[in-house]
Protein backbone atom coordinates (compact mmCIF):
# COMPACT_ATOMS: atom_id res chain seq x y z
CA UNK A 1 -19.85 47.13 -184.71
CA UNK A 2 -21.38 48.20 -187.96
CA UNK A 3 -21.70 45.54 -190.52
CA UNK A 4 -19.84 47.81 -193.03
CA UNK A 5 -16.90 47.49 -191.04
CA UNK A 6 -17.12 43.51 -191.11
CA UNK A 7 -17.78 43.32 -194.72
CA UNK A 8 -14.77 45.63 -195.55
CA UNK A 9 -12.40 42.42 -195.38
CA UNK A 10 -13.16 39.72 -198.09
CA UNK A 11 -12.61 36.81 -196.01
CA UNK A 12 -15.07 38.10 -193.05
CA UNK A 13 -17.65 39.19 -195.94
CA UNK A 14 -17.43 35.62 -197.35
CA UNK A 15 -18.08 33.94 -194.03
CA UNK A 16 -21.02 36.10 -193.41
CA UNK A 17 -22.46 35.45 -196.82
CA UNK A 18 -21.95 31.67 -196.33
CA UNK A 19 -23.87 31.92 -192.87
CA UNK A 20 -26.66 33.96 -194.15
CA UNK A 21 -26.93 31.74 -197.20
CA UNK A 22 -28.00 28.99 -194.85
CA UNK A 23 -30.43 31.10 -192.85
CA UNK A 24 -28.02 31.58 -189.82
CA UNK A 25 -27.34 35.08 -188.23
CA UNK A 26 -23.45 35.68 -188.12
CA UNK A 27 -24.06 38.03 -185.05
CA UNK A 28 -25.94 35.49 -183.05
CA UNK A 29 -23.83 32.53 -184.13
CA UNK A 30 -20.62 34.35 -183.04
CA UNK A 31 -22.34 35.47 -179.75
CA UNK A 32 -23.06 31.91 -178.90
CA UNK A 33 -19.40 30.86 -179.55
CA UNK A 34 -18.32 33.65 -177.18
CA UNK A 35 -21.23 32.94 -174.62
CA UNK A 36 -18.59 31.29 -171.92
CA UNK A 37 -17.10 33.99 -169.54
CA UNK A 38 -14.28 33.00 -167.07
CA UNK A 39 -14.97 36.07 -164.98
CA UNK A 40 -12.69 37.18 -162.23
CA UNK A 41 -10.47 34.42 -160.89
CA UNK A 42 -7.47 34.47 -158.80
CA UNK A 43 -4.05 34.12 -160.90
CA UNK A 44 -0.51 32.74 -160.31
CA UNK A 45 1.39 34.62 -162.96
CA UNK A 46 1.01 36.35 -166.63
CA UNK A 47 1.91 34.47 -169.83
CA UNK A 48 4.26 37.60 -170.17
CA UNK A 49 6.05 36.46 -167.17
CA UNK A 50 6.25 32.93 -168.61
CA UNK A 51 7.52 34.00 -171.76
CA UNK A 52 10.42 35.99 -170.01
CA UNK A 53 10.93 33.47 -167.22
CA UNK A 54 9.81 29.85 -168.32
CA UNK A 55 10.88 28.25 -165.18
CA UNK A 56 7.84 29.79 -163.59
CA UNK A 57 5.52 27.50 -165.51
CA UNK A 58 8.02 24.56 -165.28
CA UNK A 59 7.92 24.70 -161.41
CA UNK A 60 4.20 25.31 -161.20
CA UNK A 61 3.65 22.31 -163.71
CA UNK A 62 5.78 20.05 -161.42
CA UNK A 63 3.76 21.16 -158.45
CA UNK A 64 0.36 20.73 -159.75
CA UNK A 65 0.73 17.62 -161.63
CA UNK A 66 3.44 15.04 -159.88
CA UNK A 67 3.43 12.93 -162.96
CA UNK A 68 5.14 15.63 -164.96
CA UNK A 69 8.18 14.47 -163.73
CA UNK A 70 8.13 11.72 -166.45
CA UNK A 71 9.17 13.13 -169.66
CA UNK A 72 6.37 11.61 -171.71
CA UNK A 73 3.92 13.02 -169.20
CA UNK A 74 5.59 16.38 -168.88
CA UNK A 75 5.27 16.96 -172.71
CA UNK A 76 1.37 16.03 -172.57
CA UNK A 77 0.61 18.13 -169.58
CA UNK A 78 2.29 21.28 -171.14
CA UNK A 79 0.78 20.63 -174.65
CA UNK A 80 -2.41 20.26 -173.26
CA UNK A 81 -1.92 23.50 -171.22
CA UNK A 82 -0.94 25.27 -174.38
CA UNK A 83 -3.91 24.05 -176.23
CA UNK A 84 -6.04 25.38 -173.48
CA UNK A 85 -4.38 28.89 -173.80
CA UNK A 86 -5.06 28.52 -177.69
CA UNK A 87 -8.78 27.56 -177.34
CA UNK A 88 -9.90 29.60 -174.30
CA UNK A 89 -7.46 32.86 -174.95
CA UNK A 90 -6.62 33.15 -178.80
CA UNK A 91 -10.01 31.71 -180.21
CA UNK A 92 -12.41 34.31 -178.51
CA UNK A 93 -10.47 36.96 -180.10
CA UNK A 94 -10.45 35.51 -183.51
CA UNK A 95 -14.27 35.14 -182.87
CA UNK A 96 -14.53 38.74 -182.00
CA UNK A 97 -13.00 39.78 -185.21
CA UNK A 98 -15.34 37.98 -187.23
CA UNK A 99 -18.22 39.39 -185.43
CA UNK A 100 -17.22 42.93 -184.90
CA UNK A 101 -14.64 43.44 -187.91
CA UNK A 102 -12.20 44.53 -185.59
CA UNK A 103 -10.41 43.31 -182.46
CA UNK A 104 -7.96 44.35 -179.90
CA UNK A 105 -4.72 42.34 -180.02
CA UNK A 106 -3.64 39.63 -177.52
CA UNK A 107 -1.60 41.31 -174.50
CA UNK A 108 0.58 38.77 -172.55
CA UNK A 109 0.77 41.00 -169.80
CA UNK A 110 -3.05 40.63 -169.38
CA UNK A 111 -3.32 36.73 -169.91
CA UNK A 112 -2.97 34.83 -166.59
CA UNK A 113 -2.53 31.38 -165.45
CA UNK A 114 -4.99 30.36 -162.64
CA UNK A 115 -4.54 28.04 -159.78
CA UNK A 116 -5.23 24.48 -160.05
CA UNK A 117 -8.07 24.39 -157.70
CA UNK A 118 -10.15 26.49 -160.26
CA UNK A 119 -9.81 23.35 -162.92
CA UNK A 120 -13.50 22.93 -163.04
CA UNK A 121 -13.55 26.19 -164.99
CA UNK A 122 -13.30 26.02 -168.79
CA UNK A 123 -9.86 26.94 -168.56
CA UNK A 124 -6.59 27.47 -166.71
CA UNK A 125 -6.00 30.80 -168.39
CA UNK A 126 -8.04 34.13 -168.20
CA UNK A 127 -7.45 36.89 -170.62
CA UNK A 128 -8.51 40.31 -169.05
CA UNK A 129 -9.48 43.31 -171.21
CA UNK A 130 -7.14 46.40 -171.13
CA UNK A 131 -8.50 48.86 -173.06
CA UNK A 132 -6.47 48.61 -176.34
CA UNK A 133 -7.49 50.05 -179.46
CA UNK A 134 -9.04 47.47 -181.71
CA UNK A 135 -7.51 46.47 -185.03
CA UNK A 136 -8.72 46.10 -188.39
CA UNK A 137 -8.27 42.69 -189.88
CA UNK A 138 -5.15 42.91 -191.75
CA UNK A 139 -3.41 44.39 -188.71
CA UNK A 140 -4.77 42.05 -186.36
CA UNK A 141 -3.71 39.01 -188.60
CA UNK A 142 -0.18 40.44 -188.70
CA UNK A 143 0.16 40.96 -185.18
CA UNK A 144 -1.11 37.61 -184.17
CA UNK A 145 0.99 35.68 -186.64
CA UNK A 146 4.14 37.39 -185.11
CA UNK A 147 2.94 36.51 -181.63
CA UNK A 148 2.42 32.91 -182.37
CA UNK A 149 5.88 32.95 -183.96
CA UNK A 150 7.44 34.76 -180.96
CA UNK A 151 5.95 32.30 -178.50
CA UNK A 152 6.88 29.32 -180.31
CA UNK A 153 10.51 29.24 -179.28
CA UNK A 154 9.72 29.26 -175.44
CA UNK A 155 7.06 26.41 -175.78
CA UNK A 156 9.36 24.22 -178.17
CA UNK A 157 12.73 24.80 -176.53
CA UNK A 158 11.69 25.36 -172.77
CA UNK A 159 8.86 22.95 -172.41
CA UNK A 160 9.37 20.60 -175.40
CA UNK A 161 5.82 20.99 -177.01
CA UNK A 162 6.48 19.68 -180.49
CA UNK A 163 5.88 21.78 -183.53
CA UNK A 164 2.72 19.62 -184.51
CA UNK A 165 1.15 20.03 -181.11
CA UNK A 166 1.77 23.81 -180.93
CA UNK A 167 1.18 24.78 -184.46
CA UNK A 168 -2.17 22.48 -184.59
CA UNK A 169 -3.39 23.90 -181.62
CA UNK A 170 -2.68 27.51 -182.92
CA UNK A 171 -4.56 26.49 -186.11
CA UNK A 172 -7.70 25.35 -184.27
CA UNK A 173 -7.82 28.68 -182.35
CA UNK A 174 -7.32 30.76 -185.73
CA UNK A 175 -10.34 28.78 -187.18
CA UNK A 176 -12.79 29.11 -184.27
CA UNK A 177 -15.59 30.97 -186.53
CA UNK A 178 -15.42 28.18 -188.80
CA UNK A 179 -15.80 25.33 -186.18
CA UNK A 180 -18.44 27.26 -184.76
CA UNK A 181 -20.70 26.28 -187.61
CA UNK A 182 -18.87 22.93 -188.62
CA UNK A 183 -22.24 21.22 -189.16
CA UNK A 184 -24.37 24.02 -190.12
CA UNK A 185 -23.43 25.07 -193.51
CA UNK A 186 -22.10 23.78 -196.81
CA UNK A 187 -18.94 21.59 -195.94
CA UNK A 188 -17.24 22.21 -199.15
CA UNK A 189 -17.68 25.85 -199.01
CA UNK A 190 -16.67 25.81 -195.30
CA UNK A 191 -13.55 24.07 -195.77
CA UNK A 192 -12.52 26.10 -198.71
CA UNK A 193 -13.09 29.29 -196.82
CA UNK A 194 -11.39 28.17 -193.39
CA UNK A 195 -8.32 26.98 -195.40
CA UNK A 196 -7.81 30.25 -197.24
CA UNK A 197 -8.30 32.09 -194.04
CA UNK A 198 -5.52 30.24 -192.13
CA UNK A 199 -3.26 30.89 -195.17
CA UNK A 200 -3.43 34.61 -194.65
CA UNK A 201 -1.21 34.24 -191.36
CA UNK A 202 2.42 33.88 -191.99
CA UNK A 203 3.18 31.25 -189.59
CA UNK A 204 3.00 27.42 -189.52
CA UNK A 205 -0.43 26.92 -188.44
CA UNK A 206 -2.00 26.25 -191.62
CA UNK A 207 0.42 23.62 -192.48
CA UNK A 208 -0.94 21.55 -189.20
CA UNK A 209 -4.65 21.83 -189.93
CA UNK A 210 -6.46 20.16 -192.73
CA UNK A 211 -10.29 21.02 -193.21
CA UNK A 212 -12.03 17.88 -194.54
CA UNK A 213 -15.57 17.46 -195.49
CA UNK A 214 -17.11 14.53 -193.88
CA UNK A 215 -20.13 12.80 -192.99
CA UNK A 216 -21.67 11.39 -189.66
CA UNK A 217 -24.81 9.50 -189.30
CA UNK A 218 -25.78 10.90 -192.72
CA UNK A 219 -25.10 14.39 -191.73
CA UNK A 220 -22.55 16.21 -193.78
CA UNK A 221 -20.03 18.56 -191.74
CA UNK A 222 -16.47 20.02 -191.98
CA UNK A 223 -13.89 18.98 -189.55
CA UNK A 224 -10.62 20.47 -188.78
CA UNK A 225 -8.26 17.75 -188.57
CA UNK A 226 -4.74 18.17 -186.77
CA UNK A 227 -1.34 17.33 -188.05
CA UNK A 228 0.07 17.00 -184.50
CA UNK A 229 -1.14 15.64 -181.41
CA UNK A 230 -1.63 17.79 -178.17
CA UNK A 231 -1.00 14.03 -176.24
CA UNK A 232 -4.38 14.43 -174.21
CA UNK A 233 -5.09 10.80 -174.49
CA UNK A 234 -2.12 10.06 -172.24
CA UNK A 235 -3.74 11.94 -169.31
CA UNK A 236 -5.56 10.11 -166.66
CA UNK A 237 -8.83 11.94 -167.45
CA UNK A 238 -7.63 12.35 -171.09
CA UNK A 239 -9.24 10.75 -174.24
CA UNK A 240 -9.29 11.81 -177.94
CA UNK A 241 -10.09 15.23 -179.26
CA UNK A 242 -12.52 15.53 -182.04
CA UNK A 243 -10.04 16.86 -184.19
CA UNK A 244 -7.52 13.91 -183.31
CA UNK A 245 -4.75 13.43 -186.07
CA UNK A 246 -3.84 9.91 -184.70
CA UNK A 247 -7.40 8.40 -185.58
CA UNK A 248 -7.57 10.69 -188.65
CA UNK A 249 -7.80 7.94 -191.32
CA UNK A 250 -10.06 5.60 -189.58
CA UNK A 251 -12.38 8.97 -188.56
CA UNK A 252 -12.42 10.00 -192.23
CA UNK A 253 -13.36 6.34 -193.73
CA UNK A 254 -15.93 5.55 -190.99
CA UNK A 255 -19.02 7.41 -191.46
CA UNK A 256 -21.28 5.51 -188.99
CA UNK A 257 -21.88 7.27 -185.73
CA UNK A 258 -21.03 5.02 -182.60
CA UNK A 259 -21.53 5.69 -178.87
CA UNK A 260 -17.62 6.60 -178.41
CA UNK A 261 -17.39 8.80 -181.60
CA UNK A 262 -20.65 11.03 -181.94
CA UNK A 263 -20.20 14.33 -183.82
CA UNK A 264 -19.67 17.22 -181.56
CA UNK A 265 -18.11 20.65 -181.82
CA UNK A 266 -14.83 20.10 -182.92
CA UNK A 267 -12.06 21.23 -180.58
């Protein structure tokens, strides 16, 4: 898309200005962030079907993860599954918006859950293009915020995902362009821009993410910190996300790099 389209929005223009001021190509940076391609994969059912009939996902969850019969593990499994939806489906659309200046809205009818045997792929969710007309930033922001609000009751009431887990995962997805350059530009400027960007979405996402300037091994960077937990650490192959709010205070107070906490792309 033409650069003039991107620069028509003040936040997108400020983002491009911040990157170019640090010698980065916005186009190349965002292309790299969008490099992963799920390709064609078998699917079980669509997100639209899940939203209309939550028991589809509930039954699949119990079939795929026997430990989900325990309430605490059930909440962890579905919270991590929702985080995957946010980071692997929602985030790429926001990256496309920042790269092109326009982006098609999310279509739940074209977002599918894939079988567990394909779990070595980046995500269990795949988002197929449907030829929808791309939206300008304001329209994309409004529609996406409305979708996040509409999906929330299903994940909250039907699956028990906590408000903090749901909205902090959404917040990470909406801030994906800023996570792409978390250690490559001025952290204070990046945190301020990311915070103002999230505030544009009329939903709870901005309340559950704090962008914080930090330092790791003498490297200044910007980190999005969750005010909610996806509970990934409870899973057998879990661990703590780079944005984990549980160890938030320790991570912010400890600037020493250790073998278990090396700086990496925030997820």
